[in-house]
Amino acid sequence: GTYVMDNGELKSTAIKDWCASHGMVHQFTAPYSSAQNGRCERRHLTIFNKGRTM
């Protein structure tokens, strides 16, 4: 599958090699543009809100 990641700590040679060895394609969003990964950002917001209501 294709995985979209931000330019955080997962942008390393080790992760790149691991993804390649498992047949995964990874893409990175542009810096400071979280809207490019909207689905993930929305899930984070949902989880955060559920945690806050506890």
N, C-alpha and C. Protein backbone atom coordinates (compact mmCIF):
# COMPACT_ATOMS: atom_id res chain seq x y z
N GLY A 1 0.81 -1.18 0.00
CA GLY A 1 0.00 0.00 0.00
C GLY A 1 0.86 1.25 0.00
N THR A 2 0.21 2.35 -0.11
CA THR A 2 0.86 3.65 -0.08
C THR A 2 0.55 4.32 1.25
N TYR A 3 1.56 4.81 1.90
CA TYR A 3 1.41 5.47 3.19
C TYR A 3 1.90 6.90 3.07
N VAL A 4 1.07 7.83 3.54
CA VAL A 4 1.43 9.25 3.50
C VAL A 4 1.85 9.64 4.91
N MET A 5 3.05 10.22 5.02
CA MET A 5 3.59 10.60 6.32
C MET A 5 4.00 12.06 6.30
N ASP A 6 4.04 12.64 7.49
CA ASP A 6 4.59 13.99 7.56
C ASP A 6 6.11 13.90 7.57
N ASN A 7 6.75 15.01 7.63
CA ASN A 7 8.21 15.04 7.57
C ASN A 7 8.82 14.96 8.97
N GLY A 8 8.27 14.08 9.80
CA GLY A 8 8.74 13.93 11.17
C GLY A 8 9.82 12.89 11.32
N GLU A 9 9.82 12.26 12.47
CA GLU A 9 10.87 11.32 12.82
C GLU A 9 10.88 10.05 11.98
N LEU A 10 9.81 9.79 11.25
CA LEU A 10 9.76 8.58 10.42
C LEU A 10 10.41 8.78 9.05
N LYS A 11 11.01 9.90 8.82
CA LYS A 11 11.69 10.16 7.55
C LYS A 11 13.17 9.84 7.74
N SER A 12 13.47 8.55 7.70
CA SER A 12 14.86 8.11 7.91
C SER A 12 15.18 6.99 6.93
N THR A 13 16.44 6.71 6.80
CA THR A 13 16.88 5.64 5.91
C THR A 13 16.38 4.29 6.40
N ALA A 14 16.36 4.09 7.71
CA ALA A 14 15.89 2.81 8.28
C ALA A 14 14.42 2.56 7.91
N ILE A 15 13.58 3.58 8.04
CA ILE A 15 12.16 3.43 7.69
C ILE A 15 12.01 3.22 6.19
N LYS A 16 12.78 3.95 5.40
CA LYS A 16 12.72 3.81 3.95
C LYS A 16 13.09 2.38 3.54
N ASP A 17 14.14 1.85 4.11
CA ASP A 17 14.57 0.48 3.80
C ASP A 17 13.54 -0.55 4.26
N TRP A 18 12.96 -0.33 5.45
CA TRP A 18 11.96 -1.26 5.98
C TRP A 18 10.72 -1.29 5.08
N CYS A 19 10.25 -0.12 4.67
CA CYS A 19 9.08 -0.04 3.79
C CYS A 19 9.36 -0.74 2.47
N ALA A 20 10.55 -0.51 1.91
CA ALA A 20 10.91 -1.14 0.63
C ALA A 20 10.96 -2.65 0.76
N SER A 21 11.47 -3.15 1.87
CA SER A 21 11.57 -4.61 2.05
C SER A 21 10.21 -5.27 2.25
N HIS A 22 9.20 -4.47 2.65
CA HIS A 22 7.85 -5.00 2.85
C HIS A 22 6.90 -4.62 1.72
N GLY A 23 7.44 -4.08 0.63
CA GLY A 23 6.62 -3.75 -0.53
C GLY A 23 5.72 -2.54 -0.35
N MET A 24 6.07 -1.65 0.55
CA MET A 24 5.26 -0.47 0.80
C MET A 24 5.86 0.75 0.11
N VAL A 25 4.98 1.63 -0.30
CA VAL A 25 5.40 2.90 -0.90
C VAL A 25 5.04 3.99 0.10
N HIS A 26 5.98 4.84 0.44
CA HIS A 26 5.66 5.93 1.35
C HIS A 26 5.93 7.26 0.68
N GLN A 27 5.01 8.18 0.96
CA GLN A 27 5.10 9.53 0.42
C GLN A 27 5.07 10.50 1.59
N PHE A 28 5.64 11.66 1.38
CA PHE A 28 5.68 12.66 2.44
C PHE A 28 4.89 13.90 2.02
N THR A 29 4.21 14.49 3.00
CA THR A 29 3.50 15.73 2.74
C THR A 29 4.49 16.88 2.72
N ALA A 30 4.06 17.98 2.16
CA ALA A 30 4.90 19.18 2.17
C ALA A 30 4.98 19.73 3.59
N PRO A 31 6.08 20.35 3.96
CA PRO A 31 6.20 20.90 5.31
C PRO A 31 5.11 21.92 5.62
N TYR A 32 4.60 21.87 6.83
CA TYR A 32 3.59 22.79 7.35
C TYR A 32 2.29 22.78 6.55
N SER A 33 1.92 21.63 6.01
CA SER A 33 0.64 21.53 5.28
C SER A 33 -0.08 20.26 5.69
N SER A 34 -0.59 20.27 6.90
CA SER A 34 -1.25 19.09 7.43
C SER A 34 -2.51 18.72 6.65
N ALA A 35 -3.07 19.66 5.90
CA ALA A 35 -4.28 19.38 5.13
C ALA A 35 -4.04 18.33 4.05
N GLN A 36 -2.79 18.14 3.64
CA GLN A 36 -2.50 17.12 2.63
C GLN A 36 -2.73 15.72 3.18
N ASN A 37 -2.75 15.58 4.48
CA ASN A 37 -2.98 14.29 5.12
C ASN A 37 -4.23 14.41 5.99
N GLY A 38 -5.29 14.91 5.39
CA GLY A 38 -6.51 15.25 6.11
C GLY A 38 -7.17 14.09 6.83
N ARG A 39 -7.20 12.92 6.23
CA ARG A 39 -7.85 11.77 6.86
C ARG A 39 -7.17 11.44 8.19
N CYS A 40 -5.88 11.41 8.19
CA CYS A 40 -5.12 11.11 9.41
C CYS A 40 -5.30 12.22 10.45
N GLU A 41 -5.24 13.45 10.01
CA GLU A 41 -5.40 14.57 10.93
C GLU A 41 -6.77 14.53 11.59
N ARG A 42 -7.79 14.15 10.83
CA ARG A 42 -9.14 14.06 11.39
C ARG A 42 -9.24 12.95 12.43
N ARG A 43 -8.59 11.82 12.16
CA ARG A 43 -8.58 10.73 13.14
C ARG A 43 -7.89 11.15 14.42
N HIS A 44 -6.79 11.88 14.28
CA HIS A 44 -6.09 12.36 15.48
C HIS A 44 -6.99 13.27 16.29
N LEU A 45 -7.72 14.15 15.62
CA LEU A 45 -8.63 15.05 16.31
C LEU A 45 -9.73 14.28 17.03
N THR A 46 -10.28 13.27 16.38
CA THR A 46 -11.33 12.45 16.98
C THR A 46 -10.82 11.74 18.24
N ILE A 47 -9.65 11.15 18.14
CA ILE A 47 -9.06 10.45 19.29
C ILE A 47 -8.77 11.43 20.42
N PHE A 48 -8.23 12.59 20.08
CA PHE A 48 -7.93 13.61 21.08
C PHE A 48 -9.20 14.05 21.79
N ASN A 49 -10.26 14.29 21.03
CA ASN A 49 -11.52 14.73 21.63
C ASN A 49 -12.13 13.66 22.52
N LYS A 50 -12.04 12.40 22.13
CA LYS A 50 -12.56 11.33 22.98
C LYS A 50 -11.77 11.24 24.28
N GLY A 51 -10.48 11.39 24.19
CA GLY A 51 -9.65 11.37 25.39
C GLY A 51 -9.95 12.54 26.31
N ARG A 52 -10.23 13.68 25.72
CA ARG A 52 -10.50 14.87 26.52
C ARG A 52 -11.83 14.75 27.27
N THR A 53 -12.79 14.01 26.72
CA THR A 53 -14.10 13.89 27.38
C THR A 53 -14.10 12.87 28.50
N MET A 54 -13.04 12.10 28.63
CA MET A 54 -12.99 11.09 29.70
C MET A 54 -12.80 11.71 31.05
